[in-house]
Amino acid sequence: ALQRACAFVAMDHGLLLEWEADGGVQKTASHGGEERLNTLETTADPLAIGPQWLERPGTDMPCVLLLPLRGA
């Protein structure tokens, strides 16, 4: 399902993270290369309440789209 969602928005990497009540993070799905997935994981913001488009010029991932799915 994550791979289809990434294809739909023309992105070659995707990561689904779940934050637990104690602050722990669990990776529940991923799509793409491990190095860039690690970048996505460190970029994720557990306090985000809405979508964020991050421009990161000069990095291996110059654009990142964060979509928090609260209560999903």
C-alpha atoms as a PDB file:
ATOM      1  CA  ALA A   1       0.000   0.000   0.000  1.00  0.00           C
ATOM      2  CA  LEU A   2       2.852   2.415   0.842  1.00  0.00           C
ATOM      3  CA  GLN A   3       4.519   1.713  -2.518  1.00  0.00           C
ATOM      4  CA  ARG A   4       1.276   2.554  -4.368  1.00  0.00           C
ATOM      5  CA  ALA A   5       0.862   5.744  -2.331  1.00  0.00           C
ATOM      6  CA  CYS A   6       4.419   6.813  -3.198  1.00  0.00           C
ATOM      7  CA  ALA A   7       3.779   6.095  -6.893  1.00  0.00           C
ATOM      8  CA  PHE A   8       0.571   8.134  -6.755  1.00  0.00           C
ATOM      9  CA  VAL A   9       2.427  11.240  -5.581  1.00  0.00           C
ATOM     10  CA  ALA A  10       5.504  10.483  -7.767  1.00  0.00           C
ATOM     11  CA  MET A  11       7.891   9.929  -4.862  1.00  0.00           C
ATOM     12  CA  ASP A  12      10.543   7.241  -4.909  1.00  0.00           C
ATOM     13  CA  HIS A  13      10.851   6.798  -1.133  1.00  0.00           C
ATOM     14  CA  GLY A  14       8.282   6.493   1.626  1.00  0.00           C
ATOM     15  CA  LEU A  15       8.274   5.743   5.332  1.00  0.00           C
ATOM     16  CA  LEU A  16       5.408   5.053   7.707  1.00  0.00           C
ATOM     17  CA  LEU A  17       6.293   5.690  11.354  1.00  0.00           C
ATOM     18  CA  GLU A  18       4.103   5.258  14.421  1.00  0.00           C
ATOM     19  CA  TRP A  19       4.841   7.172  17.609  1.00  0.00           C
ATOM     20  CA  GLU A  20       3.959   5.364  20.808  1.00  0.00           C
ATOM     21  CA  ALA A  21       2.607   7.071  23.944  1.00  0.00           C
ATOM     22  CA  ASP A  22       5.995   6.721  25.661  1.00  0.00           C
ATOM     23  CA  GLY A  23       7.729   8.562  22.792  1.00  0.00           C
ATOM     24  CA  GLY A  24       9.094   5.456  21.100  1.00  0.00           C
ATOM     25  CA  VAL A  25       8.993   5.196  17.318  1.00  0.00           C
ATOM     26  CA  GLN A  26       8.121   2.107  15.320  1.00  0.00           C
ATOM     27  CA  LYS A  27       8.733   1.792  11.558  1.00  0.00           C
ATOM     28  CA  THR A  28       5.679  -0.019  10.163  1.00  0.00           C
ATOM     29  CA  ALA A  29       6.310   0.270   6.400  1.00  0.00           C
ATOM     30  CA  SER A  30       8.984   1.569   4.067  1.00  0.00           C
ATOM     31  CA  HIS A  31       9.684   1.874   0.350  1.00  0.00           C
ATOM     32  CA  GLY A  32      13.031   2.817  -1.217  1.00  0.00           C
ATOM     33  CA  GLY A  33      16.746   2.755  -0.451  1.00  0.00           C
ATOM     34  CA  GLU A  34      17.938   2.380   3.135  1.00  0.00           C
ATOM     35  CA  GLU A  35      20.190   5.485   3.167  1.00  0.00           C
ATOM     36  CA  ARG A  36      17.402   7.838   2.109  1.00  0.00           C
ATOM     37  CA  LEU A  37      14.917   6.097   4.398  1.00  0.00           C
ATOM     38  CA  ASN A  38      17.260   6.873   7.295  1.00  0.00           C
ATOM     39  CA  THR A  39      17.206  10.521   6.189  1.00  0.00           C
ATOM     40  CA  LEU A  40      13.398  10.479   6.222  1.00  0.00           C
ATOM     41  CA  GLU A  41      13.354   8.926   9.677  1.00  0.00           C
ATOM     42  CA  THR A  42      15.593  11.636  11.135  1.00  0.00           C
ATOM     43  CA  THR A  43      13.581  14.370   9.359  1.00  0.00           C
ATOM     44  CA  ALA A  44      10.219  13.202  10.734  1.00  0.00           C
ATOM     45  CA  ASP A  45       8.611  15.493  13.310  1.00  0.00           C
ATOM     46  CA  PRO A  46       6.403  13.790  15.923  1.00  0.00           C
ATOM     47  CA  LEU A  47       4.865  17.152  16.873  1.00  0.00           C
ATOM     48  CA  ALA A  48       3.724  18.063  13.350  1.00  0.00           C
ATOM     49  CA  ILE A  49      -0.028  18.575  13.153  1.00  0.00           C
ATOM     50  CA  GLY A  50      -0.352  19.155   9.412  1.00  0.00           C
ATOM     51  CA  PRO A  51       1.404  18.461   6.108  1.00  0.00           C
ATOM     52  CA  GLN A  52       4.837  20.008   5.640  1.00  0.00           C
ATOM     53  CA  TRP A  53       6.849  20.483   2.451  1.00  0.00           C
ATOM     54  CA  LEU A  54      10.531  20.751   3.349  1.00  0.00           C
ATOM     55  CA  GLU A  55      13.065  22.083   0.864  1.00  0.00           C
ATOM     56  CA  ARG A  56      16.586  20.954   1.674  1.00  0.00           C
ATOM     57  CA  PRO A  57      18.859  22.214  -1.152  1.00  0.00           C
ATOM     58  CA  GLY A  58      22.239  20.552  -1.459  1.00  0.00           C
ATOM     59  CA  THR A  59      21.198  17.341   0.328  1.00  0.00           C
ATOM     60  CA  ASP A  60      20.576  13.822  -0.961  1.00  0.00           C
ATOM     61  CA  MET A  61      16.816  14.487  -0.589  1.00  0.00           C
ATOM     62  CA  PRO A  62      16.228  18.096  -1.667  1.00  0.00           C
ATOM     63  CA  CYS A  63      12.449  17.892  -1.085  1.00  0.00           C
ATOM     64  CA  VAL A  64      10.557  16.028   1.638  1.00  0.00           C
ATOM     65  CA  LEU A  65       6.797  15.833   2.143  1.00  0.00           C
ATOM     66  CA  LEU A  66       5.663  15.035   5.694  1.00  0.00           C
ATOM     67  CA  LEU A  67       2.068  13.875   6.122  1.00  0.00           C
ATOM     68  CA  PRO A  68       1.116  13.289   9.748  1.00  0.00           C
ATOM     69  CA  LEU A  69      -1.861  10.937  10.020  1.00  0.00           C
ATOM     70  CA  ARG A  70      -3.151  11.748  13.489  1.00  0.00           C
ATOM     71  CA  GLY A  71      -5.413   9.090  14.923  1.00  0.00           C
ATOM     72  CA  ALA A  72      -5.237   6.971  11.767  1.00  0.00           C
END
